[in-house]
PDB file of all heavy atoms in Angstrom:
ATOM      1  N   GLN A   1      81.815  49.705 -13.242  1.00  0.00           N
ATOM      2  CA  GLN A   1      81.984  50.110 -14.577  1.00  0.00           C
ATOM      3  C   GLN A   1      80.576  50.041 -15.266  1.00  0.00           C
ATOM      4  O   GLN A   1      79.868  49.104 -15.011  1.00  0.00           O
ATOM      5  CB  GLN A   1      82.931  49.166 -15.258  1.00  0.00           C
ATOM      6  CG  GLN A   1      83.230  49.503 -16.580  1.00  0.00           C
ATOM      7  CD  GLN A   1      84.321  48.472 -17.244  1.00  0.00           C
ATOM      8  OE1 GLN A   1      84.864  47.670 -16.476  1.00  0.00           O
ATOM      9  NE2 GLN A   1      84.537  48.552 -18.515  1.00  0.00           N
ATOM     10  N   LYS A   2      80.277  50.982 -16.049  1.00  0.00           N
ATOM     11  CA  LYS A   2      78.965  50.991 -16.735  1.00  0.00           C
ATOM     12  C   LYS A   2      79.107  50.811 -18.227  1.00  0.00           C
ATOM     13  O   LYS A   2      79.814  51.524 -18.860  1.00  0.00           O
ATOM     14  CB  LYS A   2      78.286  52.372 -16.434  1.00  0.00           C
ATOM     15  CG  LYS A   2      76.958  52.456 -16.999  1.00  0.00           C
ATOM     16  CD  LYS A   2      76.324  53.811 -16.619  1.00  0.00           C
ATOM     17  CE  LYS A   2      74.931  53.988 -17.121  1.00  0.00           C
ATOM     18  NZ  LYS A   2      74.422  55.284 -16.915  1.00  0.00           N
ATOM     19  N   ASN A   3      78.541  49.732 -18.710  1.00  0.00           N
ATOM     20  CA  ASN A   3      78.509  49.423 -20.114  1.00  0.00           C
ATOM     21  C   ASN A   3      79.829  49.279 -20.721  1.00  0.00           C
ATOM     22  O   ASN A   3      80.033  49.516 -21.943  1.00  0.00           O
ATOM     23  CB  ASN A   3      77.723  50.489 -20.913  1.00  0.00           C
ATOM     24  CG  ASN A   3      76.260  50.564 -20.488  1.00  0.00           C
ATOM     25  OD1 ASN A   3      75.711  49.559 -20.031  1.00  0.00           O
ATOM     26  ND2 ASN A   3      75.630  51.614 -20.566  1.00  0.00           N
ATOM     27  N   GLY A   4      80.869  48.810 -20.013  1.00  0.00           N
ATOM     28  CA  GLY A   4      82.104  48.399 -20.692  1.00  0.00           C
ATOM     29  C   GLY A   4      82.918  49.509 -21.320  1.00  0.00           C
ATOM     30  O   GLY A   4      82.925  50.565 -20.792  1.00  0.00           O
ATOM     31  N   ILE A   5      83.433  49.121 -22.491  1.00  0.00           N
ATOM     32  CA  ILE A   5      84.382  50.112 -23.121  1.00  0.00           C
ATOM     33  C   ILE A   5      83.796  50.677 -24.306  1.00  0.00           C
ATOM     34  O   ILE A   5      83.019  50.032 -25.095  1.00  0.00           O
ATOM     35  CB  ILE A   5      85.574  49.217 -23.573  1.00  0.00           C
ATOM     36  CG1 ILE A   5      86.179  48.490 -22.365  1.00  0.00           C
ATOM     37  CG2 ILE A   5      86.624  50.075 -24.281  1.00  0.00           C
ATOM     38  CD1 ILE A   5      87.120  47.448 -22.721  1.00  0.00           C
ATOM     39  N   LYS A   6      84.065  51.888 -24.595  1.00  0.00           N
ATOM     40  CA  LYS A   6      83.627  52.601 -25.854  1.00  0.00           C
ATOM     41  C   LYS A   6      84.806  53.075 -26.562  1.00  0.00           C
ATOM     42  O   LYS A   6      85.580  53.810 -26.057  1.00  0.00           O
ATOM     43  CB  LYS A   6      82.712  53.765 -25.394  1.00  0.00           C
ATOM     44  CG  LYS A   6      82.130  54.637 -26.482  1.00  0.00           C
ATOM     45  CD  LYS A   6      81.331  55.678 -25.955  1.00  0.00           C
ATOM     46  CE  LYS A   6      80.953  56.663 -27.048  1.00  0.00           C
ATOM     47  NZ  LYS A   6      80.323  57.838 -26.542  1.00  0.00           N
ATOM     48  N   LEU A   7      84.966  52.702 -27.828  1.00  0.00           N
ATOM     49  CA  LEU A   7      86.066  53.109 -28.639  1.00  0.00           C
ATOM     50  C   LEU A   7      85.804  54.472 -29.269  1.00  0.00           C
ATOM     51  O   LEU A   7      84.652  54.668 -29.766  1.00  0.00           O
ATOM     52  CB  LEU A   7      86.374  52.102 -29.717  1.00  0.00           C
ATOM     53  CG  LEU A   7      86.696  50.708 -29.209  1.00  0.00           C
ATOM     54  CD1 LEU A   7      86.931  49.797 -30.402  1.00  0.00           C
ATOM     55  CD2 LEU A   7      87.936  50.771 -28.334  1.00  0.00           C
ATOM     56  N   LEU A   8      86.792  55.310 -29.332  1.00  0.00           N
ATOM     57  CA  LEU A   8      86.639  56.632 -29.944  1.00  0.00           C
ATOM     58  C   LEU A   8      87.696  56.792 -31.146  1.00  0.00           C
ATOM     59  O   LEU A   8      88.859  56.966 -30.866  1.00  0.00           O
ATOM     60  CB  LEU A   8      86.945  57.689 -28.896  1.00  0.00           C
ATOM     61  CG  LEU A   8      86.066  57.690 -27.730  1.00  0.00           C
ATOM     62  CD1 LEU A   8      86.540  58.684 -26.714  1.00  0.00           C
ATOM     63  CD2 LEU A   8      84.644  58.004 -28.141  1.00  0.00           C
ATOM     64  N   PHE A   9      87.233  56.641 -32.281  1.00  0.00           N
ATOM     65  CA  PHE A   9      88.116  56.871 -33.489  1.00  0.00           C
ATOM     66  C   PHE A   9      87.410  57.722 -34.552  1.00  0.00           C
ATOM     67  O   PHE A   9      87.171  57.252 -35.669  1.00  0.00           O
ATOM     68  CB  PHE A   9      88.496  55.566 -34.034  1.00  0.00           C
ATOM     69  CG  PHE A   9      89.350  54.817 -33.106  1.00  0.00           C
ATOM     70  CD1 PHE A   9      88.919  53.564 -32.559  1.00  0.00           C
ATOM     71  CD2 PHE A   9      90.639  55.201 -32.750  1.00  0.00           C
ATOM     72  CE1 PHE A   9      89.708  52.830 -31.619  1.00  0.00           C
ATOM     73  CE2 PHE A   9      91.424  54.507 -31.842  1.00  0.00           C
ATOM     74  CZ  PHE A   9      91.009  53.304 -31.347  1.00  0.00           C
ATOM     75  N   PRO A  10      87.108  58.901 -34.256  1.00  0.00           N
ATOM     76  CA  PRO A  10      86.406  59.759 -35.245  1.00  0.00           C
ATOM     77  C   PRO A  10      87.210  60.222 -36.444  1.00  0.00           C
ATOM     78  O   PRO A  10      86.713  60.639 -37.431  1.00  0.00           O
ATOM     79  CB  PRO A  10      85.910  60.998 -34.416  1.00  0.00           C
ATOM     80  CG  PRO A  10      86.937  61.107 -33.310  1.00  0.00           C
ATOM     81  CD  PRO A  10      87.238  59.627 -33.010  1.00  0.00           C
ATOM     82  N   LEU A  11      88.542  60.045 -36.317  1.00  0.00           N
ATOM     83  CA  LEU A  11      89.419  60.506 -37.405  1.00  0.00           C
ATOM     84  C   LEU A  11      89.632  59.486 -38.498  1.00  0.00           C
ATOM     85  O   LEU A  11      90.386  59.578 -39.405  1.00  0.00           O
ATOM     86  CB  LEU A  11      90.704  60.994 -36.889  1.00  0.00           C
ATOM     87  CG  LEU A  11      90.673  62.214 -35.887  1.00  0.00           C
ATOM     88  CD1 LEU A  11      92.038  62.481 -35.328  1.00  0.00           C
ATOM     89  CD2 LEU A  11      90.031  63.354 -36.480  1.00  0.00           C
ATOM     90  N   LEU A  12      89.027  58.236 -38.309  1.00  0.00           N
ATOM     91  CA  LEU A  12      89.386  57.106 -39.164  1.00  0.00           C
ATOM     92  C   LEU A  12      89.113  57.439 -40.616  1.00  0.00           C
ATOM     93  O   LEU A  12      89.927  57.161 -41.482  1.00  0.00           O
ATOM     94  CB  LEU A  12      88.568  55.844 -38.712  1.00  0.00           C
ATOM     95  CG  LEU A  12      88.849  54.646 -39.427  1.00  0.00           C
ATOM     96  CD1 LEU A  12      90.347  54.287 -39.344  1.00  0.00           C
ATOM     97  CD2 LEU A  12      88.020  53.436 -38.910  1.00  0.00           C
ATOM     98  N   ALA A  13      87.965  58.007 -40.916  1.00  0.00           N
ATOM     99  CA  ALA A  13      87.672  58.286 -42.353  1.00  0.00           C
ATOM    100  C   ALA A  13      88.681  59.196 -43.014  1.00  0.00           C
ATOM    101  O   ALA A  13      89.137  59.058 -44.068  1.00  0.00           O
ATOM    102  CB  ALA A  13      86.332  58.885 -42.433  1.00  0.00           C
ATOM    103  N   ALA A  14      89.112  60.252 -42.241  1.00  0.00           N
ATOM    104  CA  ALA A  14      90.105  61.165 -42.732  1.00  0.00           C
ATOM    105  C   ALA A  14      91.474  60.486 -42.976  1.00  0.00           C
ATOM    106  O   ALA A  14      92.100  60.698 -44.108  1.00  0.00           O
ATOM    107  CB  ALA A  14      90.294  62.348 -41.846  1.00  0.00           C
ATOM    108  N   VAL A  15      91.799  59.605 -42.094  1.00  0.00           N
ATOM    109  CA  VAL A  15      93.118  58.910 -42.228  1.00  0.00           C
ATOM    110  C   VAL A  15      93.084  57.936 -43.419  1.00  0.00           C
ATOM    111  O   VAL A  15      94.004  57.825 -44.173  1.00  0.00           O
ATOM    112  CB  VAL A  15      93.471  58.159 -40.934  1.00  0.00           C
ATOM    113  CG1 VAL A  15      94.664  57.297 -41.124  1.00  0.00           C
ATOM    114  CG2 VAL A  15      93.701  59.187 -39.825  1.00  0.00           C
ATOM    115  N   ILE A  16      91.944  57.191 -43.560  1.00  0.00           N
ATOM    116  CA  ILE A  16      91.886  56.245 -44.606  1.00  0.00           C
ATOM    117  C   ILE A  16      91.953  56.972 -45.988  1.00  0.00           C
ATOM    118  O   ILE A  16      92.618  56.502 -46.891  1.00  0.00           O
ATOM    119  CB  ILE A  16      90.478  55.475 -44.519  1.00  0.00           C
ATOM    120  CG1 ILE A  16      90.621  54.495 -43.395  1.00  0.00           C
ATOM    121  CG2 ILE A  16      90.255  54.738 -45.838  1.00  0.00           C
ATOM    122  CD1 ILE A  16      89.309  53.832 -42.982  1.00  0.00           C
ATOM    123  N   SER A  17      91.212  58.155 -46.108  1.00  0.00           N
ATOM    124  CA  SER A  17      91.241  58.845 -47.341  1.00  0.00           C
ATOM    125  C   SER A  17      92.728  59.378 -47.608  1.00  0.00           C
ATOM    126  O   SER A  17      93.201  59.424 -48.747  1.00  0.00           O
ATOM    127  CB  SER A  17      90.302  59.981 -47.355  1.00  0.00           C
ATOM    128  OG  SER A  17      90.574  61.018 -46.402  1.00  0.00           O
ATOM    129  N   LEU A  18      93.442  59.781 -46.555  1.00  0.00           N
ATOM    130  CA  LEU A  18      94.817  60.262 -46.659  1.00  0.00           C
ATOM    131  C   LEU A  18      95.685  59.125 -47.190  1.00  0.00           C
ATOM    132  O   LEU A  18      96.501  59.200 -48.096  1.00  0.00           O
ATOM    133  CB  LEU A  18      95.329  60.774 -45.312  1.00  0.00           C
ATOM    134  CG  LEU A  18      96.801  61.124 -45.215  1.00  0.00           C
ATOM    135  CD1 LEU A  18      97.023  62.415 -46.063  1.00  0.00           C
ATOM    136  CD2 LEU A  18      97.229  61.365 -43.844  1.00  0.00           C
ATOM    137  N   LEU A  19      95.522  57.976 -46.612  1.00  0.00           N
ATOM    138  CA  LEU A  19      96.328  56.856 -47.056  1.00  0.00           C
ATOM    139  C   LEU A  19      95.974  56.403 -48.462  1.00  0.00           C
ATOM    140  O   LEU A  19      96.844  56.089 -49.257  1.00  0.00           O
ATOM    141  CB  LEU A  19      96.044  55.637 -46.085  1.00  0.00           C
ATOM    142  CG  LEU A  19      96.706  55.780 -44.704  1.00  0.00           C
ATOM    143  CD1 LEU A  19      96.297  54.587 -43.835  1.00  0.00           C
ATOM    144  CD2 LEU A  19      98.209  55.786 -44.812  1.00  0.00           C
ATOM    145  N   ALA A  20      94.697  56.386 -48.770  1.00  0.00           N
ATOM    146  CA  ALA A  20      94.272  56.019 -50.126  1.00  0.00           C
ATOM    147  C   ALA A  20      94.820  57.014 -51.192  1.00  0.00           C
ATOM    148  O   ALA A  20      95.280  56.573 -52.252  1.00  0.00           O
ATOM    149  CB  ALA A  20      92.837  55.945 -50.243  1.00  0.00           C
ATOM    150  N   ALA A  21      94.810  58.229 -50.868  1.00  0.00           N
ATOM    151  CA  ALA A  21      95.365  59.230 -51.821  1.00  0.00           C
ATOM    152  C   ALA A  21      96.847  59.101 -52.022  1.00  0.00           C
ATOM    153  O   ALA A  21      97.331  59.404 -53.108  1.00  0.00           O
ATOM    154  CB  ALA A  21      95.017  60.566 -51.297  1.00  0.00           C
ATOM    155  N   GLY A  22      97.560  58.715 -51.035  1.00  0.00           N
ATOM    156  CA  GLY A  22      99.058  58.597 -51.112  1.00  0.00           C
ATOM    157  C   GLY A  22      99.532  57.266 -51.627  1.00  0.00           C
ATOM    158  O   GLY A  22     100.726  57.041 -51.829  1.00  0.00           O
ATOM    159  N   CYS A  23      98.598  56.301 -51.850  1.00  0.00           N
ATOM    160  CA  CYS A  23      99.078  54.958 -52.222  1.00  0.00           C
ATOM    161  C   CYS A  23      99.006  54.789 -53.761  1.00  0.00           C
ATOM    162  O   CYS A  23      98.059  55.264 -54.423  1.00  0.00           O
ATOM    163  CB  CYS A  23      98.096  53.926 -51.620  1.00  0.00           C
ATOM    164  SG  CYS A  23      98.291  53.826 -49.861  1.00  0.00           S
ATOM    165  N   SER A  24     100.088  54.107 -54.302  1.00  0.00           N
ATOM    166  CA  SER A  24      99.958  53.705 -55.684  1.00  0.00           C
ATOM    167  C   SER A  24     100.396  52.239 -55.794  1.00  0.00           C
ATOM    168  O   SER A  24     100.924  51.694 -54.757  1.00  0.00           O
ATOM    169  CB  SER A  24     100.981  54.584 -56.503  1.00  0.00           C
ATOM    170  OG  SER A  24     102.290  54.218 -56.103  1.00  0.00           O
ATOM    171  N   GLU A  25     100.048  51.624 -56.852  1.00  0.00           N
ATOM    172  CA  GLU A  25     100.259  50.227 -56.937  1.00  0.00           C
ATOM    173  C   GLU A  25     101.838  49.897 -57.064  1.00  0.00           C
ATOM    174  O   GLU A  25     102.230  48.799 -56.578  1.00  0.00           O
ATOM    175  CB  GLU A  25      99.591  49.647 -58.105  1.00  0.00           C
ATOM    176  CG  GLU A  25      98.089  49.549 -57.933  1.00  0.00           C
ATOM    177  CD  GLU A  25      97.436  48.986 -59.109  1.00  0.00           C
ATOM    178  OE1 GLU A  25      98.031  48.259 -59.920  1.00  0.00           O
ATOM    179  OE2 GLU A  25      96.140  49.211 -59.322  1.00  0.00           O
ATOM    180  N   GLU A  26     102.542  50.854 -57.560  1.00  0.00           N
ATOM    181  CA  GLU A  26     103.984  50.671 -57.757  1.00  0.00           C
ATOM    182  C   GLU A  26     104.829  50.931 -56.496  1.00  0.00           C
ATOM    183  O   GLU A  26     105.774  50.223 -56.208  1.00  0.00           O
ATOM    184  CB  GLU A  26     104.454  51.560 -58.822  1.00  0.00           C
ATOM    185  CG  GLU A  26     103.811  51.246 -60.179  1.00  0.00           C
ATOM    186  CD  GLU A  26     104.129  52.374 -61.210  1.00  0.00           C
ATOM    187  OE1 GLU A  26     104.966  53.268 -60.899  1.00  0.00           O
ATOM    188  OE2 GLU A  26     103.471  52.283 -62.254  1.00  0.00           O
ATOM    189  N   GLN A  27     104.402  51.954 -55.723  1.00  0.00           N
ATOM    190  CA  GLN A  27     105.216  52.290 -54.556  1.00  0.00           C
ATOM    191  C   GLN A  27     104.441  52.386 -53.331  1.00  0.00           C
ATOM    192  O   GLN A  27     103.263  52.832 -53.329  1.00  0.00           O
ATOM    193  CB  GLN A  27     105.779  53.699 -54.791  1.00  0.00           C
ATOM    194  CG  GLN A  27     107.306  53.730 -54.985  1.00  0.00           C
ATOM    195  CD  GLN A  27     107.749  55.158 -55.113  1.00  0.00           C
ATOM    196  OE1 GLN A  27     107.028  56.096 -55.222  1.00  0.00           O
ATOM    197  NE2 GLN A  27     109.076  55.329 -55.147  1.00  0.00           N
ATOM    198  N   PRO A  28     104.949  51.868 -52.127  1.00  0.00           N
ATOM    199  CA  PRO A  28     104.195  52.020 -50.892  1.00  0.00           C
ATOM    200  C   PRO A  28     104.320  53.465 -50.457  1.00  0.00           C
ATOM    201  O   PRO A  28     105.158  54.197 -50.921  1.00  0.00           O
ATOM    202  CB  PRO A  28     104.959  51.080 -49.970  1.00  0.00           C
ATOM    203  CG  PRO A  28     106.343  50.991 -50.576  1.00  0.00           C
ATOM    204  CD  PRO A  28     106.165  51.146 -52.007  1.00  0.00           C
ATOM    205  N   PRO A  29     103.354  53.815 -49.539  1.00  0.00           N
ATOM    206  CA  PRO A  29     103.346  55.163 -49.041  1.00  0.00           C
ATOM    207  C   PRO A  29     104.658  55.510 -48.327  1.00  0.00           C
ATOM    208  O   PRO A  29     105.251  54.570 -47.765  1.00  0.00           O
ATOM    209  CB  PRO A  29     102.212  55.273 -48.134  1.00  0.00           C
ATOM    210  CG  PRO A  29     101.589  53.960 -48.074  1.00  0.00           C
ATOM    211  CD  PRO A  29     102.324  53.034 -48.987  1.00  0.00           C
ATOM    212  N   SER A  30     105.051  56.775 -48.319  1.00  0.00           N
ATOM    213  CA  SER A  30     106.287  57.091 -47.603  1.00  0.00           C
ATOM    214  C   SER A  30     106.171  56.948 -46.106  1.00  0.00           C
ATOM    215  O   SER A  30     104.983  56.974 -45.598  1.00  0.00           O
ATOM    216  CB  SER A  30     106.695  58.591 -47.916  1.00  0.00           C
ATOM    217  OG  SER A  30     105.763  59.433 -47.302  1.00  0.00           O
ATOM    218  N   VAL A  31     107.251  56.758 -45.447  1.00  0.00           N
ATOM    219  CA  VAL A  31     107.272  56.652 -43.975  1.00  0.00           C
ATOM    220  C   VAL A  31     106.658  57.849 -43.366  1.00  0.00           C
ATOM    221  O   VAL A  31     105.933  57.721 -42.385  1.00  0.00           O
ATOM    222  CB  VAL A  31     108.698  56.357 -43.474  1.00  0.00           C
ATOM    223  CG1 VAL A  31     108.821  56.622 -42.013  1.00  0.00           C
ATOM    224  CG2 VAL A  31     109.277  55.042 -43.859  1.00  0.00           C
ATOM    225  N   GLU A  32     106.979  59.030 -43.933  1.00  0.00           N
ATOM    226  CA  GLU A  32     106.441  60.266 -43.385  1.00  0.00           C
ATOM    227  C   GLU A  32     104.902  60.303 -43.387  1.00  0.00           C
ATOM    228  O   GLU A  32     104.263  60.699 -42.420  1.00  0.00           O
ATOM    229  CB  GLU A  32     106.962  61.494 -44.088  1.00  0.00           C
ATOM    230  CG  GLU A  32     108.423  61.744 -43.892  1.00  0.00           C
ATOM    231  CD  GLU A  32     109.360  60.815 -44.749  1.00  0.00           C
ATOM    232  OE1 GLU A  32     108.823  60.240 -45.731  1.00  0.00           O
ATOM    233  OE2 GLU A  32     110.570  60.686 -44.303  1.00  0.00           O
ATOM    234  N   LYS A  33     104.281  59.831 -44.524  1.00  0.00           N
ATOM    235  CA  LYS A  33     102.845  59.830 -44.642  1.00  0.00           C
ATOM    236  C   LYS A  33     102.267  58.807 -43.661  1.00  0.00           C
ATOM    237  O   LYS A  33     101.226  59.115 -43.059  1.00  0.00           O
ATOM    238  CB  LYS A  33     102.521  59.407 -46.054  1.00  0.00           C
ATOM    239  CG  LYS A  33     101.976  60.536 -46.852  1.00  0.00           C
ATOM    240  CD  LYS A  33     101.452  60.132 -48.196  1.00  0.00           C
ATOM    241  CE  LYS A  33     101.352  61.351 -49.087  1.00  0.00           C
ATOM    242  NZ  LYS A  33     101.098  61.124 -50.468  1.00  0.00           N
ATOM    243  N   LEU A  34     102.892  57.645 -43.575  1.00  0.00           N
ATOM    244  CA  LEU A  34     102.387  56.651 -42.618  1.00  0.00           C
ATOM    245  C   LEU A  34     102.385  57.154 -41.217  1.00  0.00           C
ATOM    246  O   LEU A  34     101.460  57.030 -40.449  1.00  0.00           O
ATOM    247  CB  LEU A  34     103.207  55.397 -42.798  1.00  0.00           C
ATOM    248  CG  LEU A  34     103.011  54.543 -44.088  1.00  0.00           C
ATOM    249  CD1 LEU A  34     103.929  53.329 -44.048  1.00  0.00           C
ATOM    250  CD2 LEU A  34     101.535  54.093 -44.200  1.00  0.00           C
ATOM    251  N   GLU A  35     103.612  57.759 -40.818  1.00  0.00           N
ATOM    252  CA  GLU A  35     103.772  58.272 -39.480  1.00  0.00           C
ATOM    253  C   GLU A  35     102.715  59.333 -39.206  1.00  0.00           C
ATOM    254  O   GLU A  35     102.170  59.391 -38.126  1.00  0.00           O
ATOM    255  CB  GLU A  35     105.208  58.765 -39.196  1.00  0.00           C
ATOM    256  CG  GLU A  35     106.110  57.613 -39.058  1.00  0.00           C
ATOM    257  CD  GLU A  35     107.587  58.096 -38.800  1.00  0.00           C
ATOM    258  OE1 GLU A  35     107.885  59.330 -38.876  1.00  0.00           O
ATOM    259  OE2 GLU A  35     108.404  57.290 -38.468  1.00  0.00           O
ATOM    260  N   ALA A  36     102.527  60.283 -40.119  1.00  0.00           N
ATOM    261  CA  ALA A  36     101.570  61.355 -39.957  1.00  0.00           C
ATOM    262  C   ALA A  36     100.147  60.797 -39.738  1.00  0.00           C
ATOM    263  O   ALA A  36      99.371  61.255 -38.866  1.00  0.00           O
ATOM    264  CB  ALA A  36     101.597  62.253 -41.121  1.00  0.00           C
ATOM    265  N   SER A  37      99.794  59.752 -40.594  1.00  0.00           N
ATOM    266  CA  SER A  37      98.477  59.140 -40.449  1.00  0.00           C
ATOM    267  C   SER A  37      98.322  58.525 -39.002  1.00  0.00           C
ATOM    268  O   SER A  37      97.223  58.603 -38.341  1.00  0.00           O
ATOM    269  CB  SER A  37      98.251  58.163 -41.528  1.00  0.00           C
ATOM    270  OG  SER A  37      98.256  58.737 -42.800  1.00  0.00           O
ATOM    271  N   VAL A  38      99.353  57.721 -38.619  1.00  0.00           N
ATOM    272  CA  VAL A  38      99.261  57.011 -37.341  1.00  0.00           C
ATOM    273  C   VAL A  38      99.255  57.938 -36.229  1.00  0.00           C
ATOM    274  O   VAL A  38      98.463  57.795 -35.302  1.00  0.00           O
ATOM    275  CB  VAL A  38     100.466  56.006 -37.220  1.00  0.00           C
ATOM    276  CG1 VAL A  38     100.567  55.439 -35.831  1.00  0.00           C
ATOM    277  CG2 VAL A  38     100.300  54.834 -38.302  1.00  0.00           C
TER     278      VAL A  38
END
């Protein structure tokens, strides 16, 4: 094995912005939004 493990998560920024846009202090994000992000 050469140099161990390399993580690949290039979509993280897009998902975080999606979650942030769908979140409000009063209500948690919908299951559909969470599932789509995951």
